[in-house]
Protein backbone atom coordinates (compact mmCIF):
# COMPACT_ATOMS: atom_id res chain seq x y z
CA MET A 1 -47.25 39.24 -58.57
CA ARG A 2 -50.94 40.13 -58.35
CA ASN A 3 -51.71 37.52 -60.99
CA LEU A 4 -49.77 34.91 -59.02
CA ILE A 5 -51.68 35.72 -55.80
CA ALA A 6 -55.03 35.70 -57.64
CA THR A 7 -54.19 32.35 -59.25
CA ALA A 8 -53.15 30.85 -55.90
CA ALA A 9 -56.37 32.12 -54.27
CA ALA A 10 -58.46 30.65 -57.09
CA ILE A 11 -56.72 27.26 -56.74
CA LEU A 12 -57.30 27.23 -52.96
CA LEU A 13 -60.95 28.18 -53.44
CA LEU A 14 -61.48 25.41 -56.01
CA ALA A 15 -59.72 22.90 -53.78
CA ALA A 16 -61.89 23.88 -50.82
CA CYS A 17 -65.09 23.62 -52.89
CA GLY A 18 -63.99 20.29 -54.29
CA ASN A 19 -63.31 19.01 -50.78
CA GLN A 20 -66.74 20.20 -49.58
CA ASN A 21 -68.46 18.44 -52.46
CA GLY A 22 -66.50 15.30 -51.64
CA ASN A 23 -67.62 15.45 -47.99
CA GLN A 24 -71.24 16.05 -49.00
CA GLN A 25 -71.09 13.15 -51.42
CA ALA A 26 -69.62 10.87 -48.73
CA GLN A 27 -72.40 11.91 -46.34
CA LYS A 28 -75.07 11.18 -48.95
CA GLU A 29 -73.60 7.76 -49.64
CA ALA A 30 -73.66 6.69 -45.96
CA PRO A 31 -76.28 3.93 -45.77
CA VAL A 32 -79.42 4.49 -43.71
CA PRO A 33 -79.67 1.77 -41.01
CA GLN A 34 -82.11 -1.02 -41.87
CA ARG A 35 -84.72 -2.52 -39.52
CA GLU A 36 -83.66 -6.13 -40.03
CA GLY A 37 -81.02 -7.61 -37.74
CA ILE A 38 -81.14 -5.06 -34.93
CA THR A 39 -79.82 -6.33 -31.59
CA PHE A 40 -81.01 -4.83 -28.31
CA GLY A 41 -78.97 -4.38 -25.16
CA GLU A 42 -80.16 -4.67 -21.58
CA LEU A 43 -82.25 -2.09 -19.77
CA ILE A 44 -80.18 0.65 -18.11
CA LEU A 45 -81.81 2.76 -15.40
CA ALA A 46 -81.17 6.49 -15.90
CA ASP A 47 -80.65 9.05 -13.13
CA THR A 48 -80.99 6.61 -10.25
CA ASN A 49 -81.54 8.05 -6.77
CA GLU A 50 -79.71 6.99 -3.60
CA PHE A 51 -81.99 3.93 -3.32
CA GLY A 52 -81.28 2.78 -6.88
CA GLY A 53 -84.71 3.83 -8.16
CA ALA A 54 -85.43 5.64 -11.42
CA LEU A 55 -88.36 6.91 -13.50
CA GLU A 56 -86.53 6.64 -16.82
CA ALA A 57 -84.57 3.91 -18.52
CA LEU A 58 -82.53 3.40 -21.67
CA ILE A 59 -82.32 0.43 -24.02
CA PRO A 60 -79.31 0.55 -26.35
CA TYR A 61 -79.49 -1.08 -29.78
CA THR A 62 -77.17 -1.77 -32.67
CA THR A 63 -78.05 -2.12 -36.36
CA THR A 64 -76.37 -4.57 -38.75
CA ASN A 65 -74.18 -1.80 -40.19
CA GLY A 66 -72.86 -0.97 -36.71
CA THR A 67 -74.93 2.15 -36.04
CA THR A 68 -75.84 2.45 -32.35
CA ASP A 69 -78.72 4.33 -30.78
CA THR A 70 -80.81 4.31 -27.61
CA LEU A 71 -84.50 3.99 -26.83
CA ASN A 72 -85.58 6.25 -23.96
CA ILE A 73 -88.53 4.91 -21.97
CA ASN A 74 -90.56 6.41 -19.13
CA LEU A 75 -91.21 3.93 -16.34
CA LEU A 76 -94.71 3.85 -14.88
CA TYR A 77 -93.38 4.02 -11.32
CA GLU A 78 -89.99 4.63 -9.78
CA MET A 79 -88.27 1.26 -10.01
CA ASP A 80 -84.95 -0.33 -9.19
CA LYS A 81 -83.22 -3.04 -11.21
CA GLU A 82 -84.71 -5.89 -9.16
CA THR A 83 -88.29 -4.59 -9.48
CA CYS A 84 -87.85 -4.11 -13.22
CA GLU A 85 -86.78 -7.73 -13.59
CA LEU A 86 -89.64 -8.94 -11.35
CA PHE A 87 -92.32 -7.23 -13.48
CA GLY A 88 -90.67 -7.73 -16.87
CA VAL A 89 -90.07 -4.01 -17.28
CA GLY A 90 -87.98 -3.36 -20.38
CA MET A 91 -89.30 -6.49 -22.11
CA ILE A 92 -89.42 -5.80 -25.86
CA GLU A 93 -92.20 -7.16 -28.04
CA GLU A 94 -91.88 -6.72 -31.79
CA ALA A 95 -95.17 -5.93 -33.51
CA ASP A 96 -96.32 -3.84 -36.46
CA ILE A 97 -98.12 -1.12 -34.49
CA ASN A 98 -98.58 1.30 -37.40
CA PHE A 99 -99.56 -1.39 -39.95
CA ASP A 100 -96.94 -0.47 -42.55
CA GLY A 101 -95.52 -3.99 -42.88
CA THR A 102 -92.41 -3.30 -40.75
CA LYS A 103 -91.96 -4.59 -37.21
CA ASP A 104 -92.16 -1.88 -34.56
CA LEU A 105 -91.73 -2.18 -30.79
CA GLN A 106 -93.82 -2.15 -27.68
CA ILE A 107 -91.79 -2.08 -24.47
CA ARG A 108 -93.27 -2.92 -21.09
CA VAL A 109 -92.87 -0.03 -18.64
CA GLY A 110 -94.89 -1.33 -15.68
CA ASN A 111 -98.09 -2.73 -14.21
CA PHE A 112 -100.68 -0.11 -13.30
CA ASN A 113 -102.33 -2.09 -10.51
CA ALA A 114 -102.81 -5.58 -9.08
CA ALA A 115 -105.45 -6.33 -11.74
CA GLY A 116 -102.59 -6.79 -14.20
CA ASN A 117 -103.14 -3.69 -16.32
CA THR A 118 -99.84 -3.40 -18.17
CA VAL A 119 -98.50 -0.18 -19.68
CA TYR A 120 -96.18 -0.03 -22.70
CA GLU A 121 -94.19 2.54 -24.63
CA GLY A 122 -94.61 2.23 -28.41
CA PHE A 123 -91.90 2.92 -31.01
CA VAL A 124 -92.38 2.79 -34.79
CA TRP A 125 -89.53 2.27 -37.23
CA ASN A 126 -88.86 5.18 -39.59
CA ASN A 127 -87.34 3.85 -42.84
CA GLU A 128 -86.14 7.29 -43.95
CA THR A 129 -84.08 8.06 -40.84
CA GLY A 130 -83.30 4.49 -39.81
CA THR A 131 -84.45 5.11 -36.22
CA PHE A 132 -87.26 4.18 -33.85
CA VAL A 133 -89.71 7.01 -33.09
CA CYS A 134 -91.64 7.10 -29.81
CA ILE A 135 -95.45 7.30 -30.09
CA PRO A 136 -96.60 9.10 -26.89
CA GLU A 137 -100.26 8.01 -27.25
CA TYR A 138 -99.25 4.34 -26.92
CA TYR A 139 -98.57 4.90 -23.21
CA ASP A 140 -102.35 5.45 -22.70
CA ILE A 141 -103.34 2.01 -24.03
CA PHE A 142 -103.58 -0.64 -21.29
CA ASP A 143 -102.69 -4.18 -22.43
CA PRO A 144 -102.64 -3.27 -26.13
CA GLU A 145 -104.00 -5.80 -28.60
CA ILE A 146 -103.12 -5.26 -32.25
CA ASN A 147 -105.86 -6.09 -34.75
CA GLU A 148 -104.41 -6.45 -38.26
CA GLU A 149 -107.84 -7.01 -39.81
CA ASP A 150 -109.32 -3.60 -39.01
CA LYS A 151 -105.97 -1.86 -38.42
CA SER A 152 -106.72 -0.93 -34.83
CA ILE A 153 -105.16 -1.26 -31.39
CA SER A 154 -107.51 -1.97 -28.53
CA GLY A 155 -106.86 -1.74 -24.83
CA SER A 156 -108.71 -2.68 -21.69
CA PHE A 157 -108.41 -1.46 -18.13
CA ARG A 158 -109.74 -3.75 -15.41
CA GLU A 159 -110.34 -3.24 -11.71
CA TRP A 160 -112.35 -4.96 -8.97
CA MET A 161 -114.27 -3.28 -6.17
CA ASP A 162 -116.75 -4.90 -3.77
CA GLY A 163 -117.22 -8.00 -5.92
CA VAL A 164 -117.73 -6.02 -9.11
CA GLU A 165 -115.32 -6.06 -12.03
CA TYR A 166 -115.15 -2.83 -14.00
CA VAL A 167 -113.77 -2.95 -17.53
CA GLU A 168 -113.04 0.11 -19.64
CA GLY A 169 -112.13 -0.48 -23.27
CA THR A 170 -110.50 1.76 -25.83
CA VAL A 171 -109.87 1.51 -29.56
CA TYR A 172 -107.12 3.48 -31.32
CA LYS A 173 -106.55 3.90 -35.04
CA TRP A 174 -104.02 5.80 -37.12
CA VAL A 175 -105.56 9.04 -38.41
CA ASN A 176 -103.24 11.29 -40.46
CA ASP A 177 -100.17 9.51 -39.05
CA THR A 178 -101.32 10.05 -35.46
CA LEU A 179 -102.51 7.27 -33.14
CA THR A 180 -106.00 8.49 -32.23
CA LEU A 181 -108.66 7.31 -29.77
CA THR A 182 -111.67 6.37 -31.96
CA ASP A 183 -113.91 4.39 -29.57
CA GLN A 184 -114.43 3.92 -25.84
CA TRP A 185 -116.74 1.69 -23.79
CA SER A 186 -117.25 0.39 -20.24
CA GLU A 187 -118.92 -2.62 -18.64
CA GLU A 188 -119.53 -3.97 -15.16
CA PHE A 189 -119.57 -7.64 -14.16
CA THR A 190 -120.55 -9.19 -10.85
CA LEU A 191 -119.59 -12.66 -9.71
CA ASP A 192 -123.18 -13.76 -10.54
CA ASP A 193 -122.76 -12.61 -14.16
CA GLU A 194 -119.80 -14.94 -14.65
CA GLU A 195 -121.67 -18.11 -13.56
């Protein structure tokens, strides 16, 4: 009888191990989502207050193999649906922001002031995980311009006071996989300078 119980236990143990290996193998064989063919849904405001305003929003997306995920963005100011549409908040621009040959995203999150300084959230595509990864430093770059030639992203902040235009420029580069401020400058222009 002991031999029968021991044999039954051994069979159950082997069956359980075989089933675990089968599950692990199935998990390993699941394809990682690819960057090509992703479709994006419409902006959804998260945690709206009683006036319909929110400081965060979500953008759902679906890959070609049916995997769904969400981009979480921080809005520059509390906004409602109508204001978002008015200022193009949630507008997605595809661009290679980390210069690896794969299209990434910059998503408009608001205008800083009346001078038209626009703020974006940046997301790079991770081929290993098949997901977009938020780059927090991108939020600090006003009106980002991507320069493929020297692999940099420049930004400029403009404002006018008493007939003088102030411009502050920044240059960011990727250093050890981190978007890093590498240069900064400022200039002043009067109306006379522009003539």
